[in-house]
């Protein structure tokens, strides 16, 4: 995948990830380009967004609300974690489903 397409996809998914402010800044573009340069699979980045969002949203009801994510760099440690995980893609599909059901009106 071309760097331009990779960066656009990463930023598009980041923009709509629950908990993010939806604004893209220059450092976000630079980090996305660095991820491409390192050869980080797009799927791993997307899975990191899902994992981090799930951790933030699926919390005790009495827990204090978390602040808005304002930088792609927030996800860097989670991206590294996902690269080391030995879990199936079905796990991330399960998390996506949980996020959708949590975000859906009840």
PDB file of N, CA and C in Angstrom:
ATOM      1  N   UNK A   1       0.852  -1.171   0.000  1.00  0.00           N
ATOM      2  CA  UNK A   1       0.000   0.000   0.000  1.00  0.00           C
ATOM      3  C   UNK A   1       0.900   1.237   0.000  1.00  0.00           C
ATOM      4  N   UNK A   2       0.552   2.178  -0.824  1.00  0.00           N
ATOM      5  CA  UNK A   2       1.301   3.430  -0.905  1.00  0.00           C
ATOM      6  C   UNK A   2       1.204   4.183   0.421  1.00  0.00           C
ATOM      7  N   UNK A   3       2.248   4.932   0.756  1.00  0.00           N
ATOM      8  CA  UNK A   3       2.253   5.686   2.011  1.00  0.00           C
ATOM      9  C   UNK A   3       1.056   6.626   2.081  1.00  0.00           C
ATOM     10  N   UNK A   4       0.766   7.316   1.008  1.00  0.00           N
ATOM     11  CA  UNK A   4      -0.347   8.270   0.988  1.00  0.00           C
ATOM     12  C   UNK A   4      -1.659   7.593   1.361  1.00  0.00           C
ATOM     13  N   UNK A   5      -1.917   6.414   0.789  1.00  0.00           N
ATOM     14  CA  UNK A   5      -3.152   5.674   1.067  1.00  0.00           C
ATOM     15  C   UNK A   5      -3.177   5.151   2.496  1.00  0.00           C
ATOM     16  N   UNK A   6      -2.033   4.669   2.959  1.00  0.00           N
ATOM     17  CA  UNK A   6      -1.922   4.158   4.328  1.00  0.00           C
ATOM     18  C   UNK A   6      -2.213   5.279   5.331  1.00  0.00           C
ATOM     19  N   UNK A   7      -1.555   6.418   5.140  1.00  0.00           N
ATOM     20  CA  UNK A   7      -1.737   7.548   6.057  1.00  0.00           C
ATOM     21  C   UNK A   7      -3.191   8.001   6.044  1.00  0.00           C
ATOM     22  N   UNK A   8      -3.781   8.101   4.878  1.00  0.00           N
ATOM     23  CA  UNK A   8      -5.182   8.521   4.789  1.00  0.00           C
ATOM     24  C   UNK A   8      -6.083   7.550   5.534  1.00  0.00           C
ATOM     25  N   UNK A   9      -5.861   6.253   5.368  1.00  0.00           N
ATOM     26  CA  UNK A   9      -6.693   5.249   6.034  1.00  0.00           C
ATOM     27  C   UNK A   9      -6.526   5.314   7.558  1.00  0.00           C
ATOM     28  N   UNK A  10      -5.287   5.400   8.022  1.00  0.00           N
ATOM     29  CA  UNK A  10      -5.041   5.487   9.468  1.00  0.00           C
ATOM     30  C   UNK A  10      -5.753   6.711  10.036  1.00  0.00           C
ATOM     31  N   UNK A  11      -5.608   7.843   9.382  1.00  0.00           N
ATOM     32  CA  UNK A  11      -6.210   9.074   9.896  1.00  0.00           C
ATOM     33  C   UNK A  11      -7.730   9.046   9.807  1.00  0.00           C
ATOM     34  N   UNK A  12      -8.266   8.429   8.770  1.00  0.00           N
ATOM     35  CA  UNK A  12      -9.724   8.306   8.656  1.00  0.00           C
ATOM     36  C   UNK A  12     -10.291   7.466   9.792  1.00  0.00           C
ATOM     37  N   UNK A  13      -9.633   6.360  10.099  1.00  0.00           N
ATOM     38  CA  UNK A  13     -10.105   5.487  11.173  1.00  0.00           C
ATOM     39  C   UNK A  13      -9.899   6.167  12.529  1.00  0.00           C
ATOM     40  N   UNK A  14      -8.764   6.816  12.702  1.00  0.00           N
ATOM     41  CA  UNK A  14      -8.506   7.554  13.944  1.00  0.00           C
ATOM     42  C   UNK A  14      -9.591   8.603  14.183  1.00  0.00           C
ATOM     43  N   UNK A  15      -9.932   9.333  13.149  1.00  0.00           N
ATOM     44  CA  UNK A  15     -10.902  10.427  13.250  1.00  0.00           C
ATOM     45  C   UNK A  15     -12.253   9.957  13.791  1.00  0.00           C
ATOM     46  N   UNK A  16     -12.668   8.740  13.442  1.00  0.00           N
ATOM     47  CA  UNK A  16     -13.985   8.248  13.855  1.00  0.00           C
ATOM     48  C   UNK A  16     -13.934   7.290  15.050  1.00  0.00           C
ATOM     49  N   UNK A  17     -12.755   7.078  15.599  1.00  0.00           N
ATOM     50  CA  UNK A  17     -12.628   6.197  16.761  1.00  0.00           C
ATOM     51  C   UNK A  17     -13.282   6.867  17.967  1.00  0.00           C
ATOM     52  N   UNK A  18     -14.148   6.136  18.680  1.00  0.00           N
ATOM     53  CA  UNK A  18     -14.794   6.717  19.868  1.00  0.00           C
ATOM     54  C   UNK A  18     -13.763   7.256  20.854  1.00  0.00           C
ATOM     55  N   UNK A  19     -14.032   8.448  21.362  1.00  0.00           N
ATOM     56  CA  UNK A  19     -13.155   9.058  22.341  1.00  0.00           C
ATOM     57  C   UNK A  19     -12.169  10.052  21.769  1.00  0.00           C
ATOM     58  N   UNK A  20     -12.030  10.092  20.437  1.00  0.00           N
ATOM     59  CA  UNK A  20     -11.112  11.042  19.822  1.00  0.00           C
ATOM     60  C   UNK A  20     -11.847  12.342  19.496  1.00  0.00           C
ATOM     61  N   UNK A  21     -11.073  13.403  19.343  1.00  0.00           N
ATOM     62  CA  UNK A  21     -11.677  14.704  19.051  1.00  0.00           C
ATOM     63  C   UNK A  21     -12.060  14.840  17.583  1.00  0.00           C
ATOM     64  N   UNK A  22     -11.557  13.953  16.726  1.00  0.00           N
ATOM     65  CA  UNK A  22     -11.912  13.995  15.311  1.00  0.00           C
ATOM     66  C   UNK A  22     -11.110  14.990  14.494  1.00  0.00           C
ATOM     67  N   UNK A  23     -10.118  15.613  15.100  1.00  0.00           N
ATOM     68  CA  UNK A  23      -9.288  16.599  14.414  1.00  0.00           C
ATOM     69  C   UNK A  23      -7.919  15.982  14.131  1.00  0.00           C
ATOM     70  N   UNK A  24      -7.439  16.191  12.917  1.00  0.00           N
ATOM     71  CA  UNK A  24      -6.129  15.667  12.520  1.00  0.00           C
ATOM     72  C   UNK A  24      -5.131  16.823  12.513  1.00  0.00           C
ATOM     73  N   UNK A  25      -3.998  16.596  13.133  1.00  0.00           N
ATOM     74  CA  UNK A  25      -2.942  17.603  13.172  1.00  0.00           C
ATOM     75  C   UNK A  25      -1.700  17.067  12.463  1.00  0.00           C
ATOM     76  N   UNK A  26      -0.791  17.957  12.199  1.00  0.00           N
ATOM     77  CA  UNK A  26       0.433  17.577  11.498  1.00  0.00           C
ATOM     78  C   UNK A  26       1.197  16.442  12.204  1.00  0.00           C
ATOM     79  N   UNK A  27       1.371  16.487  13.532  1.00  0.00           N
ATOM     80  CA  UNK A  27       2.061  15.362  14.193  1.00  0.00           C
ATOM     81  C   UNK A  27       1.346  14.024  13.989  1.00  0.00           C
ATOM     82  N   UNK A  28       0.020  14.052  13.839  1.00  0.00           N
ATOM     83  CA  UNK A  28      -0.720  12.816  13.581  1.00  0.00           C
ATOM     84  C   UNK A  28      -0.341  12.256  12.212  1.00  0.00           C
ATOM     85  N   UNK A  29      -0.262  13.147  11.223  1.00  0.00           N
ATOM     86  CA  UNK A  29       0.138  12.720   9.872  1.00  0.00           C
ATOM     87  C   UNK A  29       1.564  12.163   9.881  1.00  0.00           C
ATOM     88  N   UNK A  30       2.440  12.825  10.614  1.00  0.00           N
ATOM     89  CA  UNK A  30       3.829  12.375  10.680  1.00  0.00           C
ATOM     90  C   UNK A  30       3.932  11.004  11.335  1.00  0.00           C
ATOM     91  N   UNK A  31       3.174  10.790  12.417  1.00  0.00           N
ATOM     92  CA  UNK A  31       3.206   9.491  13.090  1.00  0.00           C
ATOM     93  C   UNK A  31       2.656   8.402  12.184  1.00  0.00           C
ATOM     94  N   UNK A  32       1.584   8.692  11.468  1.00  0.00           N
ATOM     95  CA  UNK A  32       1.021   7.706  10.536  1.00  0.00           C
ATOM     96  C   UNK A  32       2.044   7.350   9.459  1.00  0.00           C
ATOM     97  N   UNK A  33       2.766   8.334   8.965  1.00  0.00           N
ATOM     98  CA  UNK A  33       3.810   8.073   7.957  1.00  0.00           C
ATOM     99  C   UNK A  33       4.935   7.230   8.555  1.00  0.00           C
ATOM    100  N   UNK A  34       5.282   7.486   9.812  1.00  0.00           N
ATOM    101  CA  UNK A  34       6.315   6.684  10.480  1.00  0.00           C
ATOM    102  C   UNK A  34       5.867   5.237  10.643  1.00  0.00           C
ATOM    103  N   UNK A  35       4.599   5.042  10.975  1.00  0.00           N
ATOM    104  CA  UNK A  35       4.079   3.681  11.099  1.00  0.00           C
ATOM    105  C   UNK A  35       4.194   2.951   9.769  1.00  0.00           C
ATOM    106  N   UNK A  36       3.870   3.644   8.688  1.00  0.00           N
ATOM    107  CA  UNK A  36       4.008   3.042   7.352  1.00  0.00           C
ATOM    108  C   UNK A  36       5.469   2.701   7.090  1.00  0.00           C
ATOM    109  N   UNK A  37       6.346   3.639   7.400  1.00  0.00           N
ATOM    110  CA  UNK A  37       7.778   3.422   7.179  1.00  0.00           C
ATOM    111  C   UNK A  37       8.333   2.242   7.962  1.00  0.00           C
ATOM    112  N   UNK A  38       7.773   1.988   9.121  1.00  0.00           N
ATOM    113  CA  UNK A  38       8.185   0.837   9.945  1.00  0.00           C
ATOM    114  C   UNK A  38       7.567  -0.461   9.462  1.00  0.00           C
ATOM    115  N   UNK A  39       6.605  -0.345   8.560  1.00  0.00           N
ATOM    116  CA  UNK A  39       5.948  -1.550   8.070  1.00  0.00           C
ATOM    117  C   UNK A  39       4.886  -2.085   9.010  1.00  0.00           C
ATOM    118  N   UNK A  40       4.326  -1.226   9.867  1.00  0.00           N
ATOM    119  CA  UNK A  40       3.278  -1.664  10.790  1.00  0.00           C
ATOM    120  C   UNK A  40       2.019  -1.944   9.968  1.00  0.00           C
ATOM    121  N   UNK A  41       1.494  -3.154  10.053  1.00  0.00           N
ATOM    122  CA  UNK A  41       0.290  -3.478   9.276  1.00  0.00           C
ATOM    123  C   UNK A  41      -0.883  -2.579   9.653  1.00  0.00           C
ATOM    124  N   UNK A  42      -1.616  -2.148   8.659  1.00  0.00           N
ATOM    125  CA  UNK A  42      -2.790  -1.315   8.873  1.00  0.00           C
ATOM    126  C   UNK A  42      -3.775  -2.005   9.820  1.00  0.00           C
ATOM    127  N   UNK A  43      -3.917  -3.292   9.671  1.00  0.00           N
ATOM    128  CA  UNK A  43      -4.820  -4.057  10.533  1.00  0.00           C
ATOM    129  C   UNK A  43      -4.421  -3.934  12.007  1.00  0.00           C
ATOM    130  N   UNK A  44      -3.130  -3.920  12.288  1.00  0.00           N
ATOM    131  CA  UNK A  44      -2.665  -3.787  13.671  1.00  0.00           C
ATOM    132  C   UNK A  44      -3.021  -2.413  14.232  1.00  0.00           C
ATOM    133  N   UNK A  45      -2.890  -1.378  13.414  1.00  0.00           N
ATOM    134  CA  UNK A  45      -3.230  -0.025  13.852  1.00  0.00           C
ATOM    135  C   UNK A  45      -4.729   0.062  14.131  1.00  0.00           C
ATOM    136  N   UNK A  46      -5.526  -0.459  13.213  1.00  0.00           N
ATOM    137  CA  UNK A  46      -6.977  -0.437  13.404  1.00  0.00           C
ATOM    138  C   UNK A  46      -7.379  -1.231  14.643  1.00  0.00           C
ATOM    139  N   UNK A  47      -6.749  -2.376  14.852  1.00  0.00           N
ATOM    140  CA  UNK A  47      -7.044  -3.181  16.039  1.00  0.00           C
ATOM    141  C   UNK A  47      -6.657  -2.443  17.321  1.00  0.00           C
ATOM    142  N   UNK A  48      -5.579  -1.672  17.279  1.00  0.00           N
ATOM    143  CA  UNK A  48      -5.170  -0.893  18.445  1.00  0.00           C
ATOM    144  C   UNK A  48      -6.210   0.178  18.765  1.00  0.00           C
ATOM    145  N   UNK A  49      -6.766   0.807  17.748  1.00  0.00           N
ATOM    146  CA  UNK A  49      -7.822   1.792  17.971  1.00  0.00           C
ATOM    147  C   UNK A  49      -9.011   1.131  18.667  1.00  0.00           C
ATOM    148  N   UNK A  50      -9.381  -0.042  18.189  1.00  0.00           N
ATOM    149  CA  UNK A  50     -10.523  -0.765  18.752  1.00  0.00           C
ATOM    150  C   UNK A  50     -10.237  -1.162  20.200  1.00  0.00           C
ATOM    151  N   UNK A  51      -9.063  -1.694  20.453  1.00  0.00           N
ATOM    152  CA  UNK A  51      -8.709  -2.131  21.803  1.00  0.00           C
ATOM    153  C   UNK A  51      -8.704  -0.953  22.773  1.00  0.00           C
ATOM    154  N   UNK A  52      -8.083   0.134  22.396  1.00  0.00           N
ATOM    155  CA  UNK A  52      -8.026   1.301  23.284  1.00  0.00           C
ATOM    156  C   UNK A  52      -9.411   1.886  23.514  1.00  0.00           C
ATOM    157  N   UNK A  53     -10.200   1.993  22.463  1.00  0.00           N
ATOM    158  CA  UNK A  53     -11.559   2.541  22.604  1.00  0.00           C
ATOM    159  C   UNK A  53     -12.406   1.647  23.504  1.00  0.00           C
ATOM    160  N   UNK A  54     -12.270   0.337  23.340  1.00  0.00           N
ATOM    161  CA  UNK A  54     -13.038  -0.592  24.178  1.00  0.00           C
ATOM    162  C   UNK A  54     -12.635  -0.450  25.634  1.00  0.00           C
ATOM    163  N   UNK A  55     -11.373  -0.328  25.893  1.00  0.00           N
ATOM    164  CA  UNK A  55     -10.908  -0.168  27.272  1.00  0.00           C
ATOM    165  C   UNK A  55     -11.459   1.116  27.894  1.00  0.00           C
ATOM    166  N   UNK A  56     -11.565   2.153  27.094  1.00  0.00           N
ATOM    167  CA  UNK A  56     -12.061   3.435  27.593  1.00  0.00           C
ATOM    168  C   UNK A  56     -13.576   3.432  27.799  1.00  0.00           C
ATOM    169  N   UNK A  57     -14.295   2.746  26.930  1.00  0.00           N
ATOM    170  CA  UNK A  57     -15.756   2.793  26.976  1.00  0.00           C
ATOM    171  C   UNK A  57     -16.387   1.741  27.875  1.00  0.00           C
ATOM    172  N   UNK A  58     -15.752   0.609  27.974  1.00  0.00           N
ATOM    173  CA  UNK A  58     -16.332  -0.481  28.758  1.00  0.00           C
ATOM    174  C   UNK A  58     -15.681  -0.438  30.140  1.00  0.00           C
ATOM    175  N   UNK A  59     -16.249   0.445  30.956  1.00  0.00           N
ATOM    176  CA  UNK A  59     -15.736   0.690  32.305  1.00  0.00           C
ATOM    177  C   UNK A  59     -16.907   0.717  33.270  1.00  0.00           C
ATOM    178  N   UNK A  60     -16.646   0.658  34.548  1.00  0.00           N
ATOM    179  CA  UNK A  60     -17.739   0.736  35.522  1.00  0.00           C
ATOM    180  C   UNK A  60     -18.549   2.022  35.340  1.00  0.00           C
ATOM    181  N   UNK A  61     -19.838   1.920  35.541  1.00  0.00           N
ATOM    182  CA  UNK A  61     -20.728   3.074  35.352  1.00  0.00           C
ATOM    183  C   UNK A  61     -20.368   4.233  36.273  1.00  0.00           C
ATOM    184  N   UNK A  62     -19.848   3.932  37.442  1.00  0.00           N
ATOM    185  CA  UNK A  62     -19.514   4.977  38.408  1.00  0.00           C
ATOM    186  C   UNK A  62     -18.145   5.615  38.149  1.00  0.00           C
ATOM    187  N   UNK A  63     -17.404   5.103  37.203  1.00  0.00           N
ATOM    188  CA  UNK A  63     -16.067   5.641  36.931  1.00  0.00           C
ATOM    189  C   UNK A  63     -16.170   7.052  36.359  1.00  0.00           C
ATOM    190  N   UNK A  64     -15.217   7.874  36.719  1.00  0.00           N
ATOM    191  CA  UNK A  64     -15.183   9.245  36.206  1.00  0.00           C
ATOM    192  C   UNK A  64     -14.947   9.218  34.688  1.00  0.00           C
ATOM    193  N   UNK A  65     -15.569  10.141  33.974  1.00  0.00           N
ATOM    194  CA  UNK A  65     -15.364  10.171  32.522  1.00  0.00           C
ATOM    195  C   UNK A  65     -13.917  10.513  32.169  1.00  0.00           C
ATOM    196  N   UNK A  66     -13.464   9.964  31.078  1.00  0.00           N
ATOM    197  CA  UNK A  66     -12.102  10.216  30.610  1.00  0.00           C
ATOM    198  C   UNK A  66     -12.108  11.400  29.652  1.00  0.00           C
ATOM    199  N   UNK A  67     -10.983  12.066  29.546  1.00  0.00           N
ATOM    200  CA  UNK A  67     -10.847  13.191  28.624  1.00  0.00           C
ATOM    201  C   UNK A  67     -10.808  12.719  27.178  1.00  0.00           C
ATOM    202  N   UNK A  68     -10.977  13.655  26.287  1.00  0.00           N
ATOM    203  CA  UNK A  68     -10.957  13.377  24.860  1.00  0.00           C
ATOM    204  C   UNK A  68      -9.528  13.115  24.396  1.00  0.00           C
ATOM    205  N   UNK A  69      -9.370  12.150  23.512  1.00  0.00           N
ATOM    206  CA  UNK A  69      -8.072  11.845  22.911  1.00  0.00           C
ATOM    207  C   UNK A  69      -7.815  12.886  21.830  1.00  0.00           C
ATOM    208  N   UNK A  70      -6.704  13.580  21.914  1.00  0.00           N
ATOM    209  CA  UNK A  70      -6.409  14.668  20.991  1.00  0.00           C
ATOM    210  C   UNK A  70      -5.204  14.417  20.102  1.00  0.00           C
ATOM    211  N   UNK A  71      -4.649  13.200  20.169  1.00  0.00           N
ATOM    212  CA  UNK A  71      -3.458  12.919  19.376  1.00  0.00           C
ATOM    213  C   UNK A  71      -3.381  11.434  19.037  1.00  0.00           C
ATOM    214  N   UNK A  72      -2.954  11.164  17.834  1.00  0.00           N
ATOM    215  CA  UNK A  72      -2.726   9.782  17.411  1.00  0.00           C
ATOM    216  C   UNK A  72      -1.667   9.124  18.295  1.00  0.00           C
ATOM    217  N   UNK A  73      -0.773   9.926  18.851  1.00  0.00           N
ATOM    218  CA  UNK A  73       0.292   9.392  19.705  1.00  0.00           C
ATOM    219  C   UNK A  73      -0.261   8.658  20.926  1.00  0.00           C
ATOM    220  N   UNK A  74      -1.468   8.998  21.357  1.00  0.00           N
ATOM    221  CA  UNK A  74      -2.110   8.299  22.471  1.00  0.00           C
ATOM    222  C   UNK A  74      -2.125   6.794  22.212  1.00  0.00           C
ATOM    223  N   UNK A  75      -2.285   6.409  20.959  1.00  0.00           N
ATOM    224  CA  UNK A  75      -2.433   5.005  20.600  1.00  0.00           C
ATOM    225  C   UNK A  75      -1.100   4.278  20.396  1.00  0.00           C
ATOM    226  N   UNK A  76       0.014   4.993  20.423  1.00  0.00           N
ATOM    227  CA  UNK A  76       1.317   4.359  20.161  1.00  0.00           C
ATOM    228  C   UNK A  76       1.600   3.156  21.053  1.00  0.00           C
ATOM    229  N   UNK A  77       1.420   3.261  22.371  1.00  0.00           N
ATOM    230  CA  UNK A  77       1.697   2.080  23.213  1.00  0.00           C
ATOM    231  C   UNK A  77       0.746   0.921  22.911  1.00  0.00           C
ATOM    232  N   UNK A  78      -0.486   1.235  22.558  1.00  0.00           N
ATOM    233  CA  UNK A  78      -1.457   0.177  22.263  1.00  0.00           C
ATOM    234  C   UNK A  78      -1.112  -0.493  20.928  1.00  0.00           C
ATOM    235  N   UNK A  79      -0.626   0.286  19.972  1.00  0.00           N
ATOM    236  CA  UNK A  79      -0.181  -0.288  18.694  1.00  0.00           C
ATOM    237  C   UNK A  79       0.951  -1.275  18.959  1.00  0.00           C
ATOM    238  N   UNK A  80       1.905  -0.875  19.791  1.00  0.00           N
ATOM    239  CA  UNK A  80       3.020  -1.774  20.126  1.00  0.00           C
ATOM    240  C   UNK A  80       2.518  -3.029  20.828  1.00  0.00           C
ATOM    241  N   UNK A  81       1.551  -2.855  21.707  1.00  0.00           N
ATOM    242  CA  UNK A  81       0.966  -4.003  22.412  1.00  0.00           C
ATOM    243  C   UNK A  81       0.298  -4.958  21.428  1.00  0.00           C
ATOM    244  N   UNK A  82      -0.484  -4.416  20.516  1.00  0.00           N
ATOM    245  CA  UNK A  82      -1.195  -5.251  19.539  1.00  0.00           C
ATOM    246  C   UNK A  82      -0.205  -6.017  18.669  1.00  0.00           C
ATOM    247  N   UNK A  83       0.911  -5.388  18.330  1.00  0.00           N
ATOM    248  CA  UNK A  83       1.923  -6.074  17.517  1.00  0.00           C
ATOM    249  C   UNK A  83       2.485  -7.301  18.239  1.00  0.00           C
ATOM    250  N   UNK A  84       2.449  -7.295  19.574  1.00  0.00           N
ATOM    251  CA  UNK A  84       2.980  -8.409  20.360  1.00  0.00           C
ATOM    252  C   UNK A  84       1.925  -9.445  20.748  1.00  0.00           C
ATOM    253  N   UNK A  85       0.648  -9.077  20.630  1.00  0.00           N
ATOM    254  CA  UNK A  85      -0.424  -9.975  21.050  1.00  0.00           C
ATOM    255  C   UNK A  85      -0.509 -11.215  20.172  1.00  0.00           C
ATOM    256  N   UNK A  86      -0.917 -12.285  20.785  1.00  0.00           N
ATOM    257  CA  UNK A  86      -1.128 -13.551  20.072  1.00  0.00           C
ATOM    258  C   UNK A  86      -2.608 -13.922  20.186  1.00  0.00           C
ATOM    259  N   UNK A  87      -3.476 -13.053  19.661  1.00  0.00           N
ATOM    260  CA  UNK A  87      -4.913 -13.313  19.711  1.00  0.00           C
ATOM    261  C   UNK A  87      -5.464 -13.325  18.293  1.00  0.00           C
ATOM    262  N   UNK A  88      -6.610 -13.971  18.154  1.00  0.00           N
ATOM    263  CA  UNK A  88      -7.215 -14.104  16.826  1.00  0.00           C
ATOM    264  C   UNK A  88      -7.921 -12.816  16.424  1.00  0.00           C
ATOM    265  N   UNK A  89      -8.165 -12.694  15.149  1.00  0.00           N
ATOM    266  CA  UNK A  89      -8.896 -11.555  14.615  1.00  0.00           C
ATOM    267  C   UNK A  89     -10.331 -11.531  15.153  1.00  0.00           C
ATOM    268  N   UNK A  90     -10.857 -12.692  15.523  1.00  0.00           N
ATOM    269  CA  UNK A  90     -12.205 -12.764  16.077  1.00  0.00           C
ATOM    270  C   UNK A  90     -12.317 -11.966  17.375  1.00  0.00           C
ATOM    271  N   UNK A  91     -11.247 -11.910  18.136  1.00  0.00           N
ATOM    272  CA  UNK A  91     -11.251 -11.122  19.374  1.00  0.00           C
ATOM    273  C   UNK A  91     -11.526  -9.651  19.062  1.00  0.00           C
ATOM    274  N   UNK A  92     -10.846  -9.128  18.054  1.00  0.00           N
ATOM    275  CA  UNK A  92     -11.045  -7.729  17.693  1.00  0.00           C
ATOM    276  C   UNK A  92     -12.424  -7.508  17.079  1.00  0.00           C
ATOM    277  N   UNK A  93     -12.951  -8.504  16.388  1.00  0.00           N
ATOM    278  CA  UNK A  93     -14.317  -8.403  15.876  1.00  0.00           C
ATOM    279  C   UNK A  93     -15.298  -8.337  17.043  1.00  0.00           C
ATOM    280  N   UNK A  94     -15.044  -9.134  18.067  1.00  0.00           N
ATOM    281  CA  UNK A  94     -15.883  -9.102  19.267  1.00  0.00           C
ATOM    282  C   UNK A  94     -15.842  -7.704  19.903  1.00  0.00           C
ATOM    283  N   UNK A  95     -14.656  -7.134  20.018  1.00  0.00           N
ATOM    284  CA  UNK A  95     -14.542  -5.788  20.588  1.00  0.00           C
ATOM    285  C   UNK A  95     -15.266  -4.751  19.734  1.00  0.00           C
ATOM    286  N   UNK A  96     -15.165  -4.883  18.412  1.00  0.00           N
ATOM    287  CA  UNK A  96     -15.887  -3.956  17.527  1.00  0.00           C
ATOM    288  C   UNK A  96     -17.391  -4.046  17.779  1.00  0.00           C
ATOM    289  N   UNK A  97     -17.880  -5.265  17.935  1.00  0.00           N
ATOM    290  CA  UNK A  97     -19.302  -5.460  18.211  1.00  0.00           C
ATOM    291  C   UNK A  97     -19.683  -4.814  19.544  1.00  0.00           C
ATOM    292  N   UNK A  98     -18.845  -5.002  20.579  1.00  0.00           N
ATOM    293  CA  UNK A  98     -19.107  -4.396  21.877  1.00  0.00           C
ATOM    294  C   UNK A  98     -19.144  -2.878  21.779  1.00  0.00           C
ATOM    295  N   UNK A  99     -18.215  -2.314  21.011  1.00  0.00           N
ATOM    296  CA  UNK A  99     -18.184  -0.860  20.844  1.00  0.00           C
ATOM    297  C   UNK A  99     -19.451  -0.370  20.149  1.00  0.00           C
ATOM    298  N   UNK A 100     -19.876  -1.088  19.128  1.00  0.00           N
ATOM    299  CA  UNK A 100     -21.081  -0.687  18.401  1.00  0.00           C
ATOM    300  C   UNK A 100     -22.296  -0.767  19.310  1.00  0.00           C
ATOM    301  N   UNK A 101     -22.387  -1.814  20.111  1.00  0.00           N
ATOM    302  CA  UNK A 101     -23.549  -1.942  20.987  1.00  0.00           C
ATOM    303  C   UNK A 101     -23.511  -0.931  22.120  1.00  0.00           C
ATOM    304  N   UNK A 102     -22.322  -0.555  22.573  1.00  0.00           N
ATOM    305  CA  UNK A 102     -22.202   0.451  23.612  1.00  0.00           C
ATOM    306  C   UNK A 102     -22.566   1.835  23.075  1.00  0.00           C
ATOM    307  N   UNK A 103     -22.190   2.096  21.833  1.00  0.00           N
ATOM    308  CA  UNK A 103     -22.468   3.399  21.214  1.00  0.00           C
ATOM    309  C   UNK A 103     -23.903   3.517  20.741  1.00  0.00           C
ATOM    310  N   UNK A 104     -24.583   2.390  20.503  1.00  0.00           N
ATOM    311  CA  UNK A 104     -25.953   2.409  20.009  1.00  0.00           C
ATOM    312  C   UNK A 104     -26.915   2.819  21.115  1.00  0.00           C
ATOM    313  N   UNK A 105     -27.979   3.580  20.754  1.00  0.00           N
ATOM    314  CA  UNK A 105     -28.976   3.917  21.780  1.00  0.00           C
ATOM    315  C   UNK A 105     -29.705   2.663  22.257  1.00  0.00           C
ATOM    316  N   UNK A 106     -30.037   2.656  23.525  1.00  0.00           N
ATOM    317  CA  UNK A 106     -30.688   1.478  24.098  1.00  0.00           C
ATOM    318  C   UNK A 106     -32.144   1.653  24.197  1.00  0.00           C
TER     319      UNK A 106
END
